Every structure is written in C-alpha cells, then in structure tokens.
PDB file of all heavy atoms in Angstrom:
ATOM      1  N   ALA A   1      -2.887   5.408 -12.952  1.00  0.00           N
ATOM      2  CA  ALA A   1      -3.226   4.569 -14.041  1.00  0.00           C
ATOM      3  C   ALA A   1      -4.112   3.444 -13.601  1.00  0.00           C
ATOM      4  O   ALA A   1      -5.067   3.043 -14.403  1.00  0.00           O
ATOM      5  CB  ALA A   1      -1.984   3.920 -14.649  1.00  0.00           C
ATOM      6  N   LEU A   2      -4.013   2.899 -12.385  1.00  0.00           N
ATOM      7  CA  LEU A   2      -4.876   1.915 -11.890  1.00  0.00           C
ATOM      8  C   LEU A   2      -6.330   2.390 -11.759  1.00  0.00           C
ATOM      9  O   LEU A   2      -7.282   1.660 -12.242  1.00  0.00           O
ATOM     10  CB  LEU A   2      -4.380   1.421 -10.479  1.00  0.00           C
ATOM     11  CG  LEU A   2      -5.352   0.561  -9.680  1.00  0.00           C
ATOM     12  CD1 LEU A   2      -5.512  -0.748 -10.308  1.00  0.00           C
ATOM     13  CD2 LEU A   2      -4.785   0.446  -8.220  1.00  0.00           C
ATOM     14  N   ILE A   3      -6.530   3.558 -11.283  1.00  0.00           N
ATOM     15  CA  ILE A   3      -7.850   4.114 -11.118  1.00  0.00           C
ATOM     16  C   ILE A   3      -8.435   4.368 -12.482  1.00  0.00           C
ATOM     17  O   ILE A   3      -9.662   4.030 -12.735  1.00  0.00           O
ATOM     18  CB  ILE A   3      -7.862   5.445 -10.273  1.00  0.00           C
ATOM     19  CG1 ILE A   3      -7.185   5.203  -8.911  1.00  0.00           C
ATOM     20  CG2 ILE A   3      -9.295   5.911 -10.031  1.00  0.00           C
ATOM     21  CD1 ILE A   3      -7.694   4.097  -8.079  1.00  0.00           C
ATOM     22  N   ALA A   4      -7.625   4.909 -13.388  1.00  0.00           N
ATOM     23  CA  ALA A   4      -8.151   5.152 -14.719  1.00  0.00           C
ATOM     24  C   ALA A   4      -8.522   3.892 -15.427  1.00  0.00           C
ATOM     25  O   ALA A   4      -9.606   3.815 -16.160  1.00  0.00           O
ATOM     26  CB  ALA A   4      -7.078   5.894 -15.533  1.00  0.00           C
ATOM     27  N   ALA A   5      -7.789   2.835 -15.238  1.00  0.00           N
ATOM     28  CA  ALA A   5      -8.096   1.514 -15.867  1.00  0.00           C
ATOM     29  C   ALA A   5      -9.413   0.965 -15.320  1.00  0.00           C
ATOM     30  O   ALA A   5     -10.213   0.397 -16.045  1.00  0.00           O
ATOM     31  CB  ALA A   5      -6.961   0.527 -15.676  1.00  0.00           C
ATOM     32  N   ALA A   6      -9.578   1.094 -14.055  1.00  0.00           N
ATOM     33  CA  ALA A   6     -10.843   0.599 -13.395  1.00  0.00           C
ATOM     34  C   ALA A   6     -12.025   1.303 -13.959  1.00  0.00           C
ATOM     35  O   ALA A   6     -13.064   0.716 -14.322  1.00  0.00           O
ATOM     36  CB  ALA A   6     -10.777   0.777 -11.903  1.00  0.00           C
ATOM     37  N   VAL A   7     -11.960   2.643 -14.085  1.00  0.00           N
ATOM     38  CA  VAL A   7     -13.104   3.396 -14.571  1.00  0.00           C
ATOM     39  C   VAL A   7     -13.317   3.149 -16.057  1.00  0.00           C
ATOM     40  O   VAL A   7     -14.453   3.113 -16.498  1.00  0.00           O
ATOM     41  CB  VAL A   7     -12.880   4.914 -14.240  1.00  0.00           C
ATOM     42  CG1 VAL A   7     -13.981   5.747 -14.892  1.00  0.00           C
ATOM     43  CG2 VAL A   7     -12.804   5.167 -12.719  1.00  0.00           C
ATOM     44  N   ALA A   8     -12.191   3.074 -16.812  1.00  0.00           N
ATOM     45  CA  ALA A   8     -12.311   2.777 -18.235  1.00  0.00           C
ATOM     46  C   ALA A   8     -12.996   1.451 -18.536  1.00  0.00           C
ATOM     47  O   ALA A   8     -13.839   1.359 -19.425  1.00  0.00           O
ATOM     48  CB  ALA A   8     -11.002   2.881 -18.882  1.00  0.00           C
ATOM     49  N   ARG A   9     -12.679   0.486 -17.749  1.00  0.00           N
ATOM     50  CA  ARG A   9     -13.297  -0.845 -17.939  1.00  0.00           C
ATOM     51  C   ARG A   9     -14.710  -0.974 -17.434  1.00  0.00           C
ATOM     52  O   ARG A   9     -15.589  -1.564 -18.124  1.00  0.00           O
ATOM     53  CB  ARG A   9     -12.441  -1.915 -17.256  1.00  0.00           C
ATOM     54  CG  ARG A   9     -12.991  -3.322 -17.248  1.00  0.00           C
ATOM     55  CD  ARG A   9     -13.043  -4.001 -18.636  1.00  0.00           C
ATOM     56  NE  ARG A   9     -11.728  -4.250 -19.093  1.00  0.00           N
ATOM     57  CZ  ARG A   9     -11.059  -5.367 -18.883  1.00  0.00           C
ATOM     58  NH1 ARG A   9     -11.650  -6.379 -18.197  1.00  0.00           N
ATOM     59  NH2 ARG A   9      -9.782  -5.595 -19.367  1.00  0.00           N
ATOM     60  N   PHE A  10     -14.950  -0.419 -16.234  1.00  0.00           N
ATOM     61  CA  PHE A  10     -16.269  -0.710 -15.631  1.00  0.00           C
ATOM     62  C   PHE A  10     -17.134   0.492 -15.383  1.00  0.00           C
ATOM     63  O   PHE A  10     -18.208   0.412 -14.805  1.00  0.00           O
ATOM     64  CB  PHE A  10     -15.988  -1.393 -14.264  1.00  0.00           C
ATOM     65  CG  PHE A  10     -15.309  -2.749 -14.419  1.00  0.00           C
ATOM     66  CD1 PHE A  10     -14.073  -2.939 -13.785  1.00  0.00           C
ATOM     67  CD2 PHE A  10     -15.894  -3.764 -15.145  1.00  0.00           C
ATOM     68  CE1 PHE A  10     -13.456  -4.181 -13.934  1.00  0.00           C
ATOM     69  CE2 PHE A  10     -15.304  -5.000 -15.293  1.00  0.00           C
ATOM     70  CZ  PHE A  10     -14.059  -5.194 -14.665  1.00  0.00           C
ATOM     71  N   GLY A  11     -16.658   1.714 -15.764  1.00  0.00           N
ATOM     72  CA  GLY A  11     -17.513   2.908 -15.744  1.00  0.00           C
ATOM     73  C   GLY A  11     -17.417   3.803 -14.505  1.00  0.00           C
ATOM     74  O   GLY A  11     -17.521   5.034 -14.614  1.00  0.00           O
ATOM     75  N   GLN A  12     -17.173   3.186 -13.350  1.00  0.00           N
ATOM     76  CA  GLN A  12     -17.003   4.041 -12.150  1.00  0.00           C
ATOM     77  C   GLN A  12     -16.297   3.199 -11.063  1.00  0.00           C
ATOM     78  O   GLN A  12     -16.030   2.039 -11.268  1.00  0.00           O
ATOM     79  CB  GLN A  12     -18.337   4.597 -11.642  1.00  0.00           C
ATOM     80  CG  GLN A  12     -19.335   3.582 -11.067  1.00  0.00           C
ATOM     81  CD  GLN A  12     -20.573   4.261 -10.543  1.00  0.00           C
ATOM     82  OE1 GLN A  12     -21.039   5.281 -11.050  1.00  0.00           O
ATOM     83  NE2 GLN A  12     -21.097   3.734  -9.471  1.00  0.00           N
ATOM     84  N   LEU A  13     -16.125   3.883  -9.933  1.00  0.00           N
ATOM     85  CA  LEU A  13     -15.450   3.174  -8.819  1.00  0.00           C
ATOM     86  C   LEU A  13     -16.407   3.293  -7.593  1.00  0.00           C
ATOM     87  O   LEU A  13     -16.518   4.345  -7.085  1.00  0.00           O
ATOM     88  CB  LEU A  13     -14.133   3.850  -8.503  1.00  0.00           C
ATOM     89  CG  LEU A  13     -13.293   3.208  -7.331  1.00  0.00           C
ATOM     90  CD1 LEU A  13     -12.966   1.769  -7.588  1.00  0.00           C
ATOM     91  CD2 LEU A  13     -12.010   3.983  -7.108  1.00  0.00           C
ATOM     92  N   ASP A  14     -16.950   2.178  -7.200  1.00  0.00           N
ATOM     93  CA  ASP A  14     -17.928   2.260  -6.086  1.00  0.00           C
ATOM     94  C   ASP A  14     -17.330   2.008  -4.745  1.00  0.00           C
ATOM     95  O   ASP A  14     -17.672   2.630  -3.763  1.00  0.00           O
ATOM     96  CB  ASP A  14     -19.026   1.145  -6.341  1.00  0.00           C
ATOM     97  CG  ASP A  14     -19.759   1.420  -7.618  1.00  0.00           C
ATOM     98  OD1 ASP A  14     -20.566   2.365  -7.641  1.00  0.00           O
ATOM     99  OD2 ASP A  14     -19.606   0.631  -8.600  1.00  0.00           O
ATOM    100  N   CYS A  15     -16.346   1.049  -4.667  1.00  0.00           N
ATOM    101  CA  CYS A  15     -15.726   0.726  -3.365  1.00  0.00           C
ATOM    102  C   CYS A  15     -14.215   0.514  -3.629  1.00  0.00           C
ATOM    103  O   CYS A  15     -13.820  -0.018  -4.678  1.00  0.00           O
ATOM    104  CB  CYS A  15     -16.293  -0.540  -2.761  1.00  0.00           C
ATOM    105  SG  CYS A  15     -18.099  -0.534  -2.597  1.00  0.00           S
ATOM    106  N   ALA A  16     -13.467   0.845  -2.630  1.00  0.00           N
ATOM    107  CA  ALA A  16     -11.989   0.600  -2.683  1.00  0.00           C
ATOM    108  C   ALA A  16     -11.536   0.049  -1.335  1.00  0.00           C
ATOM    109  O   ALA A  16     -11.857   0.586  -0.321  1.00  0.00           O
ATOM    110  CB  ALA A  16     -11.230   1.884  -3.028  1.00  0.00           C
ATOM    111  N   PHE A  17     -10.743  -0.984  -1.395  1.00  0.00           N
ATOM    112  CA  PHE A  17     -10.108  -1.589  -0.211  1.00  0.00           C
ATOM    113  C   PHE A  17      -8.650  -1.413  -0.293  1.00  0.00           C
ATOM    114  O   PHE A  17      -8.010  -2.172  -1.068  1.00  0.00           O
ATOM    115  CB  PHE A  17     -10.549  -3.059  -0.068  1.00  0.00           C
ATOM    116  CG  PHE A  17     -10.009  -3.745   1.136  1.00  0.00           C
ATOM    117  CD1 PHE A  17      -9.774  -3.118   2.347  1.00  0.00           C
ATOM    118  CD2 PHE A  17      -9.677  -5.122   1.016  1.00  0.00           C
ATOM    119  CE1 PHE A  17      -9.206  -3.786   3.394  1.00  0.00           C
ATOM    120  CE2 PHE A  17      -9.139  -5.791   2.082  1.00  0.00           C
ATOM    121  CZ  PHE A  17      -8.931  -5.102   3.318  1.00  0.00           C
ATOM    122  N   ASN A  18      -8.092  -0.469   0.414  1.00  0.00           N
ATOM    123  CA  ASN A  18      -6.670  -0.190   0.323  1.00  0.00           C
ATOM    124  C   ASN A  18      -5.991  -1.082   1.342  1.00  0.00           C
ATOM    125  O   ASN A  18      -5.766  -0.693   2.541  1.00  0.00           O
ATOM    126  CB  ASN A  18      -6.399   1.337   0.595  1.00  0.00           C
ATOM    127  CG  ASN A  18      -7.023   2.171  -0.483  1.00  0.00           C
ATOM    128  OD1 ASN A  18      -6.970   1.864  -1.698  1.00  0.00           O
ATOM    129  ND2 ASN A  18      -7.644   3.224  -0.108  1.00  0.00           N
ATOM    130  N   ASN A  19      -5.515  -2.198   0.853  1.00  0.00           N
ATOM    131  CA  ASN A  19      -5.064  -3.286   1.780  1.00  0.00           C
ATOM    132  C   ASN A  19      -3.536  -3.531   1.682  1.00  0.00           C
ATOM    133  O   ASN A  19      -2.958  -4.186   2.549  1.00  0.00           O
ATOM    134  CB  ASN A  19      -5.844  -4.536   1.458  1.00  0.00           C
ATOM    135  CG  ASN A  19      -5.275  -5.763   2.120  1.00  0.00           C
ATOM    136  OD1 ASN A  19      -5.373  -5.917   3.327  1.00  0.00           O
ATOM    137  ND2 ASN A  19      -4.732  -6.664   1.333  1.00  0.00           N
ATOM    138  N   ALA A  20      -2.908  -3.090   0.613  1.00  0.00           N
ATOM    139  CA  ALA A  20      -1.508  -3.367   0.427  1.00  0.00           C
ATOM    140  C   ALA A  20      -0.656  -2.785   1.610  1.00  0.00           C
ATOM    141  O   ALA A  20      -0.871  -1.676   2.004  1.00  0.00           O
ATOM    142  CB  ALA A  20      -1.047  -2.735  -0.905  1.00  0.00           C
ATOM    143  N   GLY A  21       0.239  -3.633   2.091  1.00  0.00           N
ATOM    144  CA  GLY A  21       1.114  -3.222   3.164  1.00  0.00           C
ATOM    145  C   GLY A  21       2.128  -4.294   3.467  1.00  0.00           C
ATOM    146  O   GLY A  21       2.013  -5.424   2.995  1.00  0.00           O
ATOM    147  N   ILE A  22       3.099  -3.850   4.232  1.00  0.00           N
ATOM    148  CA  ILE A  22       4.194  -4.862   4.672  1.00  0.00           C
ATOM    149  C   ILE A  22       4.402  -4.759   6.163  1.00  0.00           C
ATOM    150  O   ILE A  22       4.013  -3.774   6.780  1.00  0.00           O
ATOM    151  CB  ILE A  22       5.458  -4.560   3.917  1.00  0.00           C
ATOM    152  CG1 ILE A  22       5.961  -3.105   4.278  1.00  0.00           C
ATOM    153  CG2 ILE A  22       5.358  -4.720   2.431  1.00  0.00           C
ATOM    154  CD1 ILE A  22       7.400  -2.788   3.820  1.00  0.00           C
ATOM    155  N   GLU A  23       4.908  -5.841   6.667  1.00  0.00           N
ATOM    156  CA  GLU A  23       5.248  -5.919   8.079  1.00  0.00           C
ATOM    157  C   GLU A  23       6.583  -6.715   8.181  1.00  0.00           C
ATOM    158  O   GLU A  23       6.556  -7.931   8.119  1.00  0.00           O
ATOM    159  CB  GLU A  23       4.174  -6.577   8.892  1.00  0.00           C
ATOM    160  CG  GLU A  23       4.235  -6.348  10.389  1.00  0.00           C
ATOM    161  CD  GLU A  23       5.359  -7.040  11.095  1.00  0.00           C
ATOM    162  OE1 GLU A  23       5.299  -8.281  11.228  1.00  0.00           O
ATOM    163  OE2 GLU A  23       6.360  -6.347  11.405  1.00  0.00           O
ATOM    164  N   GLU A  24       7.710  -6.036   8.217  1.00  0.00           N
ATOM    165  CA  GLU A  24       9.041  -6.675   8.156  1.00  0.00           C
ATOM    166  C   GLU A  24       9.881  -6.357   9.324  1.00  0.00           C
ATOM    167  O   GLU A  24      11.127  -6.462   9.305  1.00  0.00           O
ATOM    168  CB  GLU A  24       9.770  -6.269   6.876  1.00  0.00           C
ATOM    169  CG  GLU A  24       8.973  -6.600   5.583  1.00  0.00           C
ATOM    170  CD  GLU A  24       9.634  -6.033   4.339  1.00  0.00           C
ATOM    171  OE1 GLU A  24      10.539  -5.189   4.506  1.00  0.00           O
ATOM    172  OE2 GLU A  24       9.279  -6.418   3.206  1.00  0.00           O
ATOM    173  N   GLU A  25       9.293  -6.026  10.445  1.00  0.00           N
ATOM    174  CA  GLU A  25       9.982  -5.423  11.616  1.00  0.00           C
ATOM    175  C   GLU A  25       9.931  -6.460  12.754  1.00  0.00           C
ATOM    176  O   GLU A  25       8.779  -6.875  13.148  1.00  0.00           O
ATOM    177  CB  GLU A  25       9.361  -4.118  12.001  1.00  0.00           C
ATOM    178  CG  GLU A  25      10.080  -3.382  13.102  1.00  0.00           C
ATOM    179  CD  GLU A  25       9.384  -2.083  13.398  1.00  0.00           C
ATOM    180  OE1 GLU A  25       8.214  -1.899  12.933  1.00  0.00           O
ATOM    181  OE2 GLU A  25       9.964  -1.215  14.082  1.00  0.00           O
ATOM    182  N   HIS A  26      11.021  -6.776  13.370  1.00  0.00           N
ATOM    183  CA  HIS A  26      11.040  -7.716  14.515  1.00  0.00           C
ATOM    184  C   HIS A  26      12.090  -7.361  15.543  1.00  0.00           C
ATOM    185  O   HIS A  26      12.685  -8.280  16.125  1.00  0.00           O
ATOM    186  CB  HIS A  26      11.257  -9.157  13.976  1.00  0.00           C
ATOM    187  CG  HIS A  26      10.321  -9.561  12.920  1.00  0.00           C
ATOM    188  ND1 HIS A  26       9.012  -9.967  13.228  1.00  0.00           N
ATOM    189  CD2 HIS A  26      10.379  -9.609  11.550  1.00  0.00           C
ATOM    190  CE1 HIS A  26       8.363 -10.235  12.072  1.00  0.00           C
ATOM    191  NE2 HIS A  26       9.191 -10.028  11.114  1.00  0.00           N
ATOM    192  N   GLY A  27      12.297  -6.070  15.779  1.00  0.00           N
ATOM    193  CA  GLY A  27      13.251  -5.712  16.752  1.00  0.00           C
ATOM    194  C   GLY A  27      12.886  -4.329  17.393  1.00  0.00           C
ATOM    195  O   GLY A  27      11.982  -3.677  17.004  1.00  0.00           O
ATOM    196  N   ARG A  28      13.621  -4.040  18.480  1.00  0.00           N
ATOM    197  CA  ARG A  28      13.324  -2.799  19.196  1.00  0.00           C
ATOM    198  C   ARG A  28      13.621  -1.582  18.296  1.00  0.00           C
ATOM    199  O   ARG A  28      14.447  -1.624  17.415  1.00  0.00           O
ATOM    200  CB  ARG A  28      14.115  -2.755  20.505  1.00  0.00           C
ATOM    201  CG  ARG A  28      13.729  -3.773  21.500  1.00  0.00           C
ATOM    202  CD  ARG A  28      14.471  -3.699  22.793  1.00  0.00           C
ATOM    203  NE  ARG A  28      14.014  -4.643  23.803  1.00  0.00           N
ATOM    204  CZ  ARG A  28      14.501  -5.845  23.926  1.00  0.00           C
ATOM    205  NH1 ARG A  28      15.471  -6.299  23.131  1.00  0.00           N
ATOM    206  NH2 ARG A  28      14.042  -6.656  24.827  1.00  0.00           N
ATOM    207  N   LEU A  29      13.052  -0.466  18.694  1.00  0.00           N
ATOM    208  CA  LEU A  29      13.098   0.707  17.856  1.00  0.00           C
ATOM    209  C   LEU A  29      14.587   1.169  17.576  1.00  0.00           C
ATOM    210  O   LEU A  29      14.893   1.514  16.438  1.00  0.00           O
ATOM    211  CB  LEU A  29      12.356   1.883  18.544  1.00  0.00           C
ATOM    212  CG  LEU A  29      12.112   3.182  17.726  1.00  0.00           C
ATOM    213  CD1 LEU A  29      10.812   3.807  18.155  1.00  0.00           C
ATOM    214  CD2 LEU A  29      13.237   4.148  17.879  1.00  0.00           C
ATOM    215  N   ALA A  30      15.439   1.114  18.583  1.00  0.00           N
ATOM    216  CA  ALA A  30      16.836   1.559  18.370  1.00  0.00           C
ATOM    217  C   ALA A  30      17.637   0.650  17.449  1.00  0.00           C
ATOM    218  O   ALA A  30      18.676   1.012  16.981  1.00  0.00           O
ATOM    219  CB  ALA A  30      17.547   1.681  19.726  1.00  0.00           C
ATOM    220  N   GLU A  31      17.031  -0.584  17.218  1.00  0.00           N
ATOM    221  CA  GLU A  31      17.777  -1.522  16.283  1.00  0.00           C
ATOM    222  C   GLU A  31      17.351  -1.393  14.874  1.00  0.00           C
ATOM    223  O   GLU A  31      17.908  -2.032  13.991  1.00  0.00           O
ATOM    224  CB  GLU A  31      17.467  -2.882  16.821  1.00  0.00           C
ATOM    225  CG  GLU A  31      17.938  -3.200  18.230  1.00  0.00           C
ATOM    226  CD  GLU A  31      17.274  -4.494  18.809  1.00  0.00           C
ATOM    227  OE1 GLU A  31      16.490  -5.152  18.109  1.00  0.00           O
ATOM    228  OE2 GLU A  31      17.597  -4.817  19.952  1.00  0.00           O
ATOM    229  N   SER A  32      16.340  -0.556  14.592  1.00  0.00           N
ATOM    230  CA  SER A  32      15.799  -0.472  13.202  1.00  0.00           C
ATOM    231  C   SER A  32      16.745   0.551  12.421  1.00  0.00           C
ATOM    232  O   SER A  32      17.570   1.202  12.943  1.00  0.00           O
ATOM    233  CB  SER A  32      14.392   0.043  13.196  1.00  0.00           C
ATOM    234  OG  SER A  32      14.283   1.197  13.947  1.00  0.00           O
ATOM    235  N   ASP A  33      16.506   0.512  11.060  1.00  0.00           N
ATOM    236  CA  ASP A  33      17.395   1.313  10.280  1.00  0.00           C
ATOM    237  C   ASP A  33      16.575   2.199   9.282  1.00  0.00           C
ATOM    238  O   ASP A  33      15.359   2.038   9.159  1.00  0.00           O
ATOM    239  CB  ASP A  33      18.385   0.491   9.437  1.00  0.00           C
ATOM    240  CG  ASP A  33      17.769  -0.548   8.631  1.00  0.00           C
ATOM    241  OD1 ASP A  33      16.686  -0.324   7.989  1.00  0.00           O
ATOM    242  OD2 ASP A  33      18.291  -1.700   8.478  1.00  0.00           O
ATOM    243  N   ASP A  34      17.313   3.099   8.620  1.00  0.00           N
ATOM    244  CA  ASP A  34      16.602   4.061   7.730  1.00  0.00           C
ATOM    245  C   ASP A  34      15.877   3.382   6.594  1.00  0.00           C
ATOM    246  O   ASP A  34      14.808   3.775   6.202  1.00  0.00           O
ATOM    247  CB  ASP A  34      17.617   5.042   7.148  1.00  0.00           C
ATOM    248  CG  ASP A  34      18.241   5.948   8.172  1.00  0.00           C
ATOM    249  OD1 ASP A  34      17.984   5.733   9.359  1.00  0.00           O
ATOM    250  OD2 ASP A  34      18.904   6.907   7.781  1.00  0.00           O
ATOM    251  N   ALA A  35      16.460   2.358   6.008  1.00  0.00           N
ATOM    252  CA  ALA A  35      15.897   1.695   4.856  1.00  0.00           C
ATOM    253  C   ALA A  35      14.607   1.020   5.191  1.00  0.00           C
ATOM    254  O   ALA A  35      13.587   1.160   4.434  1.00  0.00           O
ATOM    255  CB  ALA A  35      16.892   0.627   4.305  1.00  0.00           C
ATOM    256  N   LEU A  36      14.520   0.394   6.370  1.00  0.00           N
ATOM    257  CA  LEU A  36      13.284  -0.179   6.793  1.00  0.00           C
ATOM    258  C   LEU A  36      12.187   0.848   7.022  1.00  0.00           C
ATOM    259  O   LEU A  36      11.062   0.656   6.640  1.00  0.00           O
ATOM    260  CB  LEU A  36      13.469  -1.049   8.073  1.00  0.00           C
ATOM    261  CG  LEU A  36      12.207  -1.668   8.708  1.00  0.00           C
ATOM    262  CD1 LEU A  36      11.581  -2.675   7.755  1.00  0.00           C
ATOM    263  CD2 LEU A  36      12.524  -2.331  10.051  1.00  0.00           C
ATOM    264  N   PHE A  37      12.579   1.921   7.677  1.00  0.00           N
ATOM    265  CA  PHE A  37      11.600   3.001   7.936  1.00  0.00           C
ATOM    266  C   PHE A  37      11.045   3.573   6.620  1.00  0.00           C
ATOM    267  O   PHE A  37       9.847   3.684   6.462  1.00  0.00           O
ATOM    268  CB  PHE A  37      12.292   4.142   8.721  1.00  0.00           C
ATOM    269  CG  PHE A  37      11.368   5.264   9.075  1.00  0.00           C
ATOM    270  CD1 PHE A  37      10.649   5.286  10.245  1.00  0.00           C
ATOM    271  CD2 PHE A  37      11.154   6.326   8.185  1.00  0.00           C
ATOM    272  CE1 PHE A  37       9.773   6.323  10.574  1.00  0.00           C
ATOM    273  CE2 PHE A  37      10.312   7.349   8.476  1.00  0.00           C
ATOM    274  CZ  PHE A  37       9.638   7.362   9.680  1.00  0.00           C
ATOM    275  N   ASP A  38      11.947   3.861   5.698  1.00  0.00           N
ATOM    276  CA  ASP A  38      11.500   4.407   4.474  1.00  0.00           C
ATOM    277  C   ASP A  38      10.602   3.471   3.625  1.00  0.00           C
ATOM    278  O   ASP A  38       9.646   3.882   3.038  1.00  0.00           O
ATOM    279  CB  ASP A  38      12.758   4.784   3.558  1.00  0.00           C
ATOM    280  CG  ASP A  38      13.488   5.954   4.150  1.00  0.00           C
ATOM    281  OD1 ASP A  38      12.942   6.650   5.033  1.00  0.00           O
ATOM    282  OD2 ASP A  38      14.643   6.189   3.743  1.00  0.00           O
TER     283      ASP A  38
END
C-alpha cells in the first residue's frame, strides 16, 4: 500500500532508502531469546 500510495500521489518511484530497523541486543549470543531473534 505504501508503494501504491507513493506512485498514486507522485507518478513514479525514483529512489528508495530502506532504513527502518531496530537494535535491541546487548548480550552474548547464548543469552538471547526467540522473541528477540524473531
């Protein structure tokens, strides 16, 4: 829907910056859990 809205409003999509992300990890690998990984 996001891409469709962009094209509907402005005609085309010239550039995209896929920047959304999270960083919530502050422990060793064996200390992490399934929910954080997912």
